[in-house]
Amino acid sequence: MHKRILITGTRSGCGKTTVVSALLSVFRARGLPLSSFKCGPDYIDPLFHREILGIPGYNLDPFFCNRQVLRGLLAEKARELSVIEGAMGFYDGIGADGQASAYDVARATETPVILVIDASGLYTSAGAIIRGFLAFRPENRIRGVIFNGAHPSSAKGLDQVAREAGVEPLGFLPRDARLTIPSRHLGLMTSDELTDLRTTLCALEELANAHIDIDGVLRIASSAPEIRRMEKQAHPMADVRIAVARDRAFFFLYEENLNILESLGGQLCFFSPLDDQSLPENIGGLYLPGGYPELYAQALSANSAMRAAISAAIADGLPTIAEGGGFLYLHESLEGFPMAGAIAGDAWKSDRLQRFGYMTLTAEKDNLLCERGGILRAQEFHYCQSGNGGEDFSLRKASNGQVFRSCHAAESLYAGFPHFYFPSDEEPARRFIKKAVQYQQLHR
């Protein structure tokens, strides 16, 4: 039986990640086969779960995927127990309607929900919050509540407030500044910080066992109905080696994207633009994902052999996808340091968030990923700016309908800030693999 639970909150910063980390630590210690999921386009939390907790982590994104695909992804990746973490507040999503929210994921996947409430400075009024969340939209599947940052002396009273409001109280985590999960990017943490983090997780596990009704959480998780696994017929196009950048500067990779490339015949060869001197041999394609190259600009620039290799390969027509940080690396310079130079112009880090959120891209010409007029869904989130963002796609923001031109696209290249999620539409991945096969055959 596939047990599952969705942990959500009243807002961003209420303690969802802390509670999820505590629960995952407890479940892992009990030896339960686990998988974890994050609502929305987040890269960091699934990576955190994989690298720090050793638990497979994936995404469930209702902007990219319809109900059937969401259910299929969940069923495909689920183990005995799946823990899904929401994003922002439970009903928050795109615009005032809250499209693509954790609520949408819970409904689509029929997953029972536990609400996390920040109890600092809160007592009886928690009942009003719970009643409001229960009444706001139908079929919300909220079954329980965990109070974060509660004082032990108020725990029994909060339990009573929760019962009277109509949900099962499942305990609390006490307020303790030492137990905050740092909001640092995983790839930027030092070994000392990682050691401190693991110490924090051990403390969270102890507190969760002491103050959270773990059996109650598992009982709610066991109430989830079965989801049938979709029968997927993999149709590899041909075996082809795909070089994928992955290191401290480039690690924004959807695991699902890699899975789809592999299912189509891609043999993934990981390499480091920071540390390696050359691209993997006999490749037919190149995938430069997002990350934080701006923080490693000097080191990336110092690796002139790799910069020259990538520039020459792209000039030779090597099929290349460069998203976000990968796009920055292809500029002539980043933060004043020479880069690969495949894209004319400079890029630099700004002090504020630039464009972010979901969007649809319409191709202005035939290109590596689609034909002219093709529509792709994407998301972007970045602080850096480019002096040459490109004009080969028309982008429409999902939140406000704003339209602008961006991205570089050619027969063998996509380069831009937007990131793609291949489960929403496998055709771009198919076109990429097809081009990679052709390139590899010509260069044998």
Foldseek 3Di string as FASTA:
>chain_A
DAFEEEEFEQFPPLCLVLVVLLLLLQCVVVVAQEAEEEQDQDQQVQVCCCPQVVHHYAYQWCVLDPLVLSLQVCQVPTDNYYYYYWPTGQQAPFAPRSPRGVQVSCVSNVHAYEYEGACVVHALCVLVVLLCVPPVDPPSNHAEYEYEQDDPVRFVRRQVSRVVSPHHYFWYAHDDPLLDDDPDRPLPDDPVVSVSNSVSSVVSNVRCVVTGNSVVVRVSSVPGDDRDHDDDDQDAPEAFEEEEEDDSFAPRDRPQLVVLLVSNRYDYDYDHLQPDLATDPLGLAYEGHGGHVLVVQVSSLVSVSHLQRVLVCVVVQRQYEAAARRLQQCECGECRGGHSHNHYFHKYFAPDKDDWAKKKKAFCACFQQGGHRDIAIWTAIGRMDTPDFDFGIWIAHPNPRDIDGGWDGHHRYTHHHTDHDCSSPVRSSNSSVVSSVVRSVVVD
